[in-house]
Amino acid sequence: MANGSTPSSSTNKAGFRRIRQQAERGVPPERVGREALLECADSLIVVLRDSSPSDSPPSNSVVLDAGLQLLDRCSGYVDVIPQMRNKFAFREAVGKLEVSLQELRASGGGGGGGGTVLENLQGCVREIRDVVQR
């Protein structure tokens, strides 16, 4: 950019915050059912599981797209959660998912530490599934 700043960090944050901002502005998110959310989480887990360390890892764009789809579904599901305790736990897990997706985007396609990012992402998805299944 002209001022020497890199657009990547601000662009990443803006992209991941878009869903939350839409909800805050009153744009009604699509109502998401429990089964639809679990199905979306399962599809992301399958993408992550299909890539064992001996195999070639999945393309970051495939994982990122699946992760963003889950994040989008989560924004529509949060209002459906009846108990405040579970709603808080769900929002916390979604926040971790958001951070993991930011780390994945920041890692680009580069190797080292990519496995750790994918493991963290898988842990976030499991945590979301656990809260939804309560």
N, C-alpha and C. Protein backbone atom coordinates (compact mmCIF):
# COMPACT_ATOMS: atom_id res chain seq x y z
N MET A 1 0.83 -1.18 0.00
CA MET A 1 0.00 0.00 0.00
C MET A 1 0.88 1.25 0.00
N ALA A 2 0.30 2.39 -0.21
CA ALA A 2 1.05 3.63 -0.33
C ALA A 2 1.74 4.01 0.97
N ASN A 3 1.15 3.73 2.10
CA ASN A 3 1.73 4.10 3.37
C ASN A 3 2.65 3.02 3.91
N GLY A 4 2.87 1.94 3.17
CA GLY A 4 3.79 0.89 3.59
C GLY A 4 3.17 -0.16 4.48
N SER A 5 1.91 -0.04 4.79
CA SER A 5 1.27 -1.04 5.65
C SER A 5 0.87 -2.24 4.81
N THR A 6 0.85 -3.39 5.44
CA THR A 6 0.45 -4.60 4.73
C THR A 6 -1.05 -4.80 4.90
N PRO A 7 -1.75 -5.07 3.83
CA PRO A 7 -3.20 -5.21 3.91
C PRO A 7 -3.64 -6.53 4.50
N SER A 8 -2.72 -7.50 4.62
CA SER A 8 -3.14 -8.85 4.99
C SER A 8 -3.75 -8.95 6.38
N SER A 9 -3.14 -8.35 7.39
CA SER A 9 -3.68 -8.52 8.74
C SER A 9 -5.03 -7.82 8.90
N SER A 10 -5.15 -6.62 8.37
CA SER A 10 -6.43 -5.93 8.49
C SER A 10 -7.48 -6.58 7.60
N THR A 11 -7.07 -7.09 6.44
CA THR A 11 -8.01 -7.77 5.55
C THR A 11 -8.52 -9.05 6.19
N ASN A 12 -7.61 -9.81 6.82
CA ASN A 12 -8.01 -11.06 7.47
C ASN A 12 -9.03 -10.79 8.56
N LYS A 13 -8.74 -9.82 9.40
CA LYS A 13 -9.65 -9.52 10.50
C LYS A 13 -11.00 -9.05 9.98
N ALA A 14 -10.96 -8.23 8.95
CA ALA A 14 -12.21 -7.71 8.40
C ALA A 14 -13.04 -8.83 7.79
N GLY A 15 -12.38 -9.74 7.11
CA GLY A 15 -13.11 -10.85 6.49
C GLY A 15 -13.77 -11.75 7.50
N PHE A 16 -13.06 -12.03 8.58
CA PHE A 16 -13.61 -12.93 9.59
C PHE A 16 -14.64 -12.25 10.48
N ARG A 17 -14.60 -10.95 10.55
CA ARG A 17 -15.55 -10.22 11.39
C ARG A 17 -16.85 -9.89 10.65
N ARG A 18 -16.85 -10.09 9.34
CA ARG A 18 -18.00 -9.70 8.53
C ARG A 18 -19.29 -10.35 9.02
N ILE A 19 -19.24 -11.62 9.33
CA ILE A 19 -20.45 -12.34 9.76
C ILE A 19 -20.97 -11.76 11.07
N ARG A 20 -20.06 -11.54 12.01
CA ARG A 20 -20.46 -10.99 13.30
C ARG A 20 -21.04 -9.59 13.13
N GLN A 21 -20.43 -8.78 12.27
CA GLN A 21 -20.92 -7.43 12.05
C GLN A 21 -22.31 -7.43 11.44
N GLN A 22 -22.57 -8.36 10.52
CA GLN A 22 -23.90 -8.44 9.93
C GLN A 22 -24.94 -8.72 10.99
N ALA A 23 -24.62 -9.59 11.91
CA ALA A 23 -25.56 -9.91 12.99
C ALA A 23 -25.79 -8.70 13.87
N GLU A 24 -24.72 -7.93 14.14
CA GLU A 24 -24.85 -6.76 15.00
C GLU A 24 -25.65 -5.65 14.31
N ARG A 25 -25.57 -5.57 13.00
CA ARG A 25 -26.29 -4.52 12.27
C ARG A 25 -27.75 -4.85 12.07
N GLY A 26 -28.15 -6.02 12.48
CA GLY A 26 -29.55 -6.38 12.35
C GLY A 26 -29.87 -7.16 11.09
N VAL A 27 -28.85 -7.54 10.31
CA VAL A 27 -29.10 -8.38 9.15
C VAL A 27 -29.44 -9.76 9.69
N PRO A 28 -30.64 -10.24 9.44
CA PRO A 28 -31.04 -11.51 10.04
C PRO A 28 -30.26 -12.68 9.44
N PRO A 29 -29.48 -13.40 10.27
CA PRO A 29 -28.78 -14.56 9.76
C PRO A 29 -29.77 -15.68 9.48
N GLU A 30 -29.41 -16.52 8.55
CA GLU A 30 -30.27 -17.65 8.22
C GLU A 30 -30.35 -18.56 9.44
N ARG A 31 -31.55 -18.96 9.80
CA ARG A 31 -31.73 -19.90 10.91
C ARG A 31 -31.13 -21.23 10.52
N VAL A 32 -30.29 -21.74 11.38
CA VAL A 32 -29.61 -22.99 11.11
C VAL A 32 -30.04 -24.00 12.15
N GLY A 33 -30.44 -25.15 11.69
CA GLY A 33 -30.83 -26.22 12.60
C GLY A 33 -29.62 -26.97 13.13
N ARG A 34 -29.85 -27.68 14.18
CA ARG A 34 -28.79 -28.45 14.83
C ARG A 34 -28.16 -29.45 13.86
N GLU A 35 -29.01 -30.16 13.11
CA GLU A 35 -28.52 -31.18 12.19
C GLU A 35 -27.67 -30.57 11.09
N ALA A 36 -28.09 -29.43 10.57
CA ALA A 36 -27.34 -28.76 9.51
C ALA A 36 -25.97 -28.32 10.01
N LEU A 37 -25.92 -27.82 11.24
CA LEU A 37 -24.65 -27.38 11.80
C LEU A 37 -23.73 -28.57 12.05
N LEU A 38 -24.28 -29.66 12.59
CA LEU A 38 -23.47 -30.86 12.82
C LEU A 38 -22.96 -31.44 11.51
N GLU A 39 -23.79 -31.42 10.49
CA GLU A 39 -23.39 -31.93 9.18
C GLU A 39 -22.24 -31.10 8.61
N CYS A 40 -22.32 -29.79 8.77
CA CYS A 40 -21.26 -28.90 8.29
C CYS A 40 -19.97 -29.15 9.06
N ALA A 41 -20.08 -29.32 10.38
CA ALA A 41 -18.90 -29.60 11.20
C ALA A 41 -18.29 -30.95 10.81
N ASP A 42 -19.14 -31.93 10.56
CA ASP A 42 -18.65 -33.25 10.16
C ASP A 42 -17.91 -33.19 8.83
N SER A 43 -18.41 -32.40 7.90
CA SER A 43 -17.74 -32.30 6.60
C SER A 43 -16.35 -31.68 6.74
N LEU A 44 -16.20 -30.71 7.65
CA LEU A 44 -14.88 -30.12 7.89
C LEU A 44 -13.96 -31.13 8.55
N ILE A 45 -14.48 -31.90 9.49
CA ILE A 45 -13.67 -32.92 10.15
C ILE A 45 -13.21 -33.97 9.13
N VAL A 46 -14.07 -34.34 8.20
CA VAL A 46 -13.69 -35.32 7.17
C VAL A 46 -12.55 -34.77 6.31
N VAL A 47 -12.65 -33.50 5.93
CA VAL A 47 -11.58 -32.88 5.13
C VAL A 47 -10.27 -32.92 5.91
N LEU A 48 -10.34 -32.61 7.20
CA LEU A 48 -9.13 -32.61 8.02
C LEU A 48 -8.61 -34.03 8.27
N ARG A 49 -9.50 -34.97 8.50
CA ARG A 49 -9.12 -36.34 8.80
C ARG A 49 -8.52 -37.04 7.59
N ASP A 50 -9.03 -36.73 6.42
CA ASP A 50 -8.55 -37.37 5.20
C ASP A 50 -7.10 -37.02 4.89
N SER A 51 -6.57 -36.06 5.59
CA SER A 51 -5.18 -35.68 5.37
C SER A 51 -4.34 -36.11 6.55
N SER A 52 -3.83 -37.32 6.51
CA SER A 52 -2.92 -37.76 7.56
C SER A 52 -1.54 -37.19 7.22
N PRO A 53 -0.61 -37.14 8.20
CA PRO A 53 0.70 -36.57 7.94
C PRO A 53 1.45 -37.23 6.78
N SER A 54 1.20 -38.52 6.53
CA SER A 54 1.90 -39.19 5.43
C SER A 54 1.34 -38.80 4.07
N ASP A 55 0.08 -38.41 4.04
CA ASP A 55 -0.53 -37.98 2.78
C ASP A 55 -0.22 -36.51 2.54
N SER A 56 -0.54 -36.07 1.36
CA SER A 56 -0.39 -34.64 1.11
C SER A 56 -1.53 -33.93 1.84
N PRO A 57 -1.21 -32.84 2.52
CA PRO A 57 -2.26 -32.13 3.27
C PRO A 57 -3.29 -31.54 2.32
N PRO A 58 -4.49 -31.31 2.83
CA PRO A 58 -5.51 -30.72 1.96
C PRO A 58 -5.12 -29.29 1.61
N SER A 59 -5.61 -28.83 0.53
CA SER A 59 -5.34 -27.46 0.13
C SER A 59 -5.92 -26.53 1.19
N ASN A 60 -5.14 -25.50 1.53
CA ASN A 60 -5.61 -24.54 2.53
C ASN A 60 -6.93 -23.92 2.10
N SER A 61 -7.11 -23.71 0.81
CA SER A 61 -8.34 -23.07 0.36
C SER A 61 -9.56 -23.96 0.60
N VAL A 62 -9.38 -25.28 0.44
CA VAL A 62 -10.50 -26.21 0.70
C VAL A 62 -10.87 -26.18 2.18
N VAL A 63 -9.86 -26.26 3.03
CA VAL A 63 -10.10 -26.25 4.48
C VAL A 63 -10.68 -24.90 4.89
N LEU A 64 -10.12 -23.83 4.36
CA LEU A 64 -10.59 -22.49 4.70
C LEU A 64 -12.03 -22.28 4.27
N ASP A 65 -12.38 -22.73 3.08
CA ASP A 65 -13.77 -22.61 2.62
C ASP A 65 -14.73 -23.38 3.52
N ALA A 66 -14.35 -24.61 3.88
CA ALA A 66 -15.20 -25.42 4.76
C ALA A 66 -15.30 -24.76 6.14
N GLY A 67 -14.19 -24.20 6.62
CA GLY A 67 -14.19 -23.52 7.92
C GLY A 67 -15.05 -22.27 7.92
N LEU A 68 -14.98 -21.51 6.84
CA LEU A 68 -15.80 -20.30 6.75
C LEU A 68 -17.28 -20.64 6.62
N GLN A 69 -17.57 -21.74 5.95
CA GLN A 69 -18.96 -22.18 5.86
C GLN A 69 -19.49 -22.55 7.25
N LEU A 70 -18.65 -23.25 8.03
CA LEU A 70 -19.05 -23.60 9.39
C LEU A 70 -19.24 -22.33 10.23
N LEU A 71 -18.32 -21.39 10.08
CA LEU A 71 -18.43 -20.13 10.83
C LEU A 71 -19.72 -19.41 10.48
N ASP A 72 -20.08 -19.42 9.22
CA ASP A 72 -21.33 -18.79 8.77
C ASP A 72 -22.54 -19.49 9.39
N ARG A 73 -22.52 -20.81 9.39
CA ARG A 73 -23.63 -21.57 9.98
C ARG A 73 -23.73 -21.31 11.48
N CYS A 74 -22.58 -21.20 12.13
CA CYS A 74 -22.57 -20.95 13.58
C CYS A 74 -23.23 -19.62 13.92
N SER A 75 -23.04 -18.62 13.07
CA SER A 75 -23.65 -17.32 13.34
C SER A 75 -25.17 -17.40 13.29
N GLY A 76 -25.69 -18.31 12.49
CA GLY A 76 -27.14 -18.48 12.41
C GLY A 76 -27.69 -19.39 13.49
N TYR A 77 -26.82 -20.12 14.16
CA TYR A 77 -27.27 -21.09 15.16
C TYR A 77 -27.25 -20.53 16.57
N VAL A 78 -26.43 -19.55 16.84
CA VAL A 78 -26.22 -19.09 18.21
C VAL A 78 -27.52 -18.66 18.89
N ASP A 79 -28.44 -18.08 18.16
CA ASP A 79 -29.70 -17.62 18.77
C ASP A 79 -30.66 -18.76 19.07
N VAL A 80 -30.39 -19.93 18.54
CA VAL A 80 -31.26 -21.09 18.75
C VAL A 80 -30.94 -21.78 20.08
N ILE A 81 -29.74 -21.55 20.60
CA ILE A 81 -29.30 -22.23 21.82
C ILE A 81 -30.11 -21.72 23.01
N PRO A 82 -30.80 -22.61 23.74
CA PRO A 82 -31.69 -22.16 24.80
C PRO A 82 -30.98 -21.74 26.09
N GLN A 83 -29.97 -22.48 26.52
CA GLN A 83 -29.34 -22.19 27.81
C GLN A 83 -28.21 -21.19 27.65
N MET A 84 -28.18 -20.21 28.53
CA MET A 84 -27.18 -19.16 28.46
C MET A 84 -25.77 -19.73 28.62
N ARG A 85 -25.62 -20.73 29.48
CA ARG A 85 -24.30 -21.34 29.70
C ARG A 85 -23.79 -21.97 28.41
N ASN A 86 -24.67 -22.67 27.71
CA ASN A 86 -24.27 -23.29 26.44
C ASN A 86 -24.03 -22.25 25.36
N LYS A 87 -24.81 -21.17 25.40
CA LYS A 87 -24.63 -20.09 24.42
C LYS A 87 -23.25 -19.46 24.60
N PHE A 88 -22.85 -19.26 25.86
CA PHE A 88 -21.54 -18.69 26.15
C PHE A 88 -20.44 -19.63 25.67
N ALA A 89 -20.56 -20.91 25.97
CA ALA A 89 -19.56 -21.90 25.56
C ALA A 89 -19.48 -21.98 24.04
N PHE A 90 -20.63 -21.88 23.38
CA PHE A 90 -20.66 -21.93 21.92
C PHE A 90 -19.95 -20.72 21.33
N ARG A 91 -20.23 -19.54 21.87
CA ARG A 91 -19.57 -18.33 21.36
C ARG A 91 -18.06 -18.39 21.58
N GLU A 92 -17.65 -18.94 22.71
CA GLU A 92 -16.22 -19.09 22.98
C GLU A 92 -15.58 -20.05 21.97
N ALA A 93 -16.25 -21.15 21.68
CA ALA A 93 -15.73 -22.13 20.71
C ALA A 93 -15.68 -21.52 19.31
N VAL A 94 -16.68 -20.73 18.96
CA VAL A 94 -16.70 -20.08 17.65
C VAL A 94 -15.55 -19.06 17.56
N GLY A 95 -15.26 -18.38 18.66
CA GLY A 95 -14.12 -17.46 18.69
C GLY A 95 -12.81 -18.19 18.43
N LYS A 96 -12.67 -19.37 19.02
CA LYS A 96 -11.46 -20.18 18.78
C LYS A 96 -11.39 -20.63 17.33
N LEU A 97 -12.54 -20.97 16.76
CA LEU A 97 -12.59 -21.35 15.35
C LEU A 97 -12.12 -20.19 14.48
N GLU A 98 -12.59 -19.01 14.81
CA GLU A 98 -12.21 -17.82 14.06
C GLU A 98 -10.70 -17.60 14.09
N VAL A 99 -10.10 -17.74 15.28
CA VAL A 99 -8.66 -17.58 15.43
C VAL A 99 -7.92 -18.65 14.64
N SER A 100 -8.39 -19.88 14.70
CA SER A 100 -7.74 -20.96 13.95
C SER A 100 -7.80 -20.71 12.45
N LEU A 101 -8.92 -20.20 11.97
CA LEU A 101 -9.03 -19.89 10.55
C LEU A 101 -8.11 -18.75 10.16
N GLN A 102 -7.94 -17.78 11.04
CA GLN A 102 -6.99 -16.69 10.79
C GLN A 102 -5.57 -17.25 10.70
N GLU A 103 -5.22 -18.16 11.61
CA GLU A 103 -3.89 -18.77 11.59
C GLU A 103 -3.69 -19.57 10.31
N LEU A 104 -4.71 -20.28 9.88
CA LEU A 104 -4.62 -21.06 8.65
C LEU A 104 -4.40 -20.14 7.46
N ARG A 105 -5.14 -19.06 7.41
CA ARG A 105 -4.97 -18.10 6.31
C ARG A 105 -3.58 -17.48 6.35
N ALA A 106 -3.09 -17.17 7.54
CA ALA A 106 -1.76 -16.56 7.67
C ALA A 106 -0.66 -17.53 7.28
N SER A 107 -0.87 -18.83 7.52
CA SER A 107 0.16 -19.81 7.19
C SER A 107 0.27 -20.02 5.69
N GLY A 108 -0.70 -19.57 4.95
CA GLY A 108 -0.66 -19.71 3.49
C GLY A 108 -0.61 -21.17 3.10
N GLY A 109 0.27 -21.52 2.21
CA GLY A 109 0.43 -22.91 1.80
C GLY A 109 1.68 -23.50 2.40
N GLY A 110 2.44 -22.70 3.14
CA GLY A 110 3.74 -23.13 3.64
C GLY A 110 3.67 -24.26 4.64
N GLY A 111 4.68 -25.08 4.64
CA GLY A 111 4.72 -26.32 5.42
C GLY A 111 4.77 -26.17 6.91
N GLY A 112 5.94 -25.87 7.51
CA GLY A 112 6.17 -26.00 8.94
C GLY A 112 5.06 -25.48 9.81
N GLY A 113 4.60 -26.17 10.78
CA GLY A 113 3.57 -25.72 11.70
C GLY A 113 2.17 -25.82 11.15
N GLY A 114 2.03 -26.16 9.87
CA GLY A 114 0.71 -26.29 9.27
C GLY A 114 -0.10 -27.38 9.95
N GLY A 115 0.60 -28.45 10.36
CA GLY A 115 -0.08 -29.55 11.05
C GLY A 115 -0.67 -29.10 12.36
N THR A 116 0.06 -28.25 13.08
CA THR A 116 -0.44 -27.74 14.35
C THR A 116 -1.68 -26.88 14.14
N VAL A 117 -1.66 -26.07 13.11
CA VAL A 117 -2.82 -25.23 12.81
C VAL A 117 -4.03 -26.11 12.50
N LEU A 118 -3.82 -27.16 11.71
CA LEU A 118 -4.92 -28.06 11.37
C LEU A 118 -5.42 -28.82 12.59
N GLU A 119 -4.49 -29.20 13.49
CA GLU A 119 -4.90 -29.88 14.73
C GLU A 119 -5.72 -28.94 15.60
N ASN A 120 -5.30 -27.69 15.71
CA ASN A 120 -6.07 -26.70 16.49
C ASN A 120 -7.46 -26.50 15.89
N LEU A 121 -7.52 -26.45 14.57
CA LEU A 121 -8.80 -26.28 13.89
C LEU A 121 -9.71 -27.46 14.16
N GLN A 122 -9.14 -28.66 14.11
CA GLN A 122 -9.94 -29.86 14.38
C GLN A 122 -10.45 -29.85 15.83
N GLY A 123 -9.62 -29.40 16.77
CA GLY A 123 -10.05 -29.29 18.16
C GLY A 123 -11.20 -28.30 18.33
N CYS A 124 -11.14 -27.19 17.61
CA CYS A 124 -12.21 -26.20 17.66
C CYS A 124 -13.53 -26.78 17.14
N VAL A 125 -13.43 -27.52 16.06
CA VAL A 125 -14.64 -28.11 15.47
C VAL A 125 -15.25 -29.13 16.44
N ARG A 126 -14.40 -29.92 17.07
CA ARG A 126 -14.90 -30.89 18.06
C ARG A 126 -15.58 -30.19 19.22
N GLU A 127 -14.99 -29.08 19.66
CA GLU A 127 -15.57 -28.32 20.77
C GLU A 127 -16.95 -27.77 20.39
N ILE A 128 -17.07 -27.26 19.17
CA ILE A 128 -18.37 -26.77 18.70
C ILE A 128 -19.38 -27.90 18.66
N ARG A 129 -18.97 -29.06 18.14
CA ARG A 129 -19.87 -30.22 18.09
C ARG A 129 -20.32 -30.63 19.49
N ASP A 130 -19.40 -30.61 20.45
CA ASP A 130 -19.74 -30.99 21.82
C ASP A 130 -20.81 -30.07 22.40
N VAL A 131 -20.64 -28.77 22.19
CA VAL A 131 -21.62 -27.81 22.72
C VAL A 131 -22.97 -28.00 22.03
N VAL A 132 -22.97 -28.20 20.74
CA VAL A 132 -24.23 -28.36 20.00
C VAL A 132 -24.95 -29.63 20.43
N GLN A 133 -24.21 -30.67 20.77
CA GLN A 133 -24.83 -31.94 21.14
C GLN A 133 -25.33 -31.97 22.58
N ARG A 134 -25.05 -30.95 23.36
CA ARG A 134 -25.50 -30.92 24.76
C ARG A 134 -27.00 -30.83 24.84
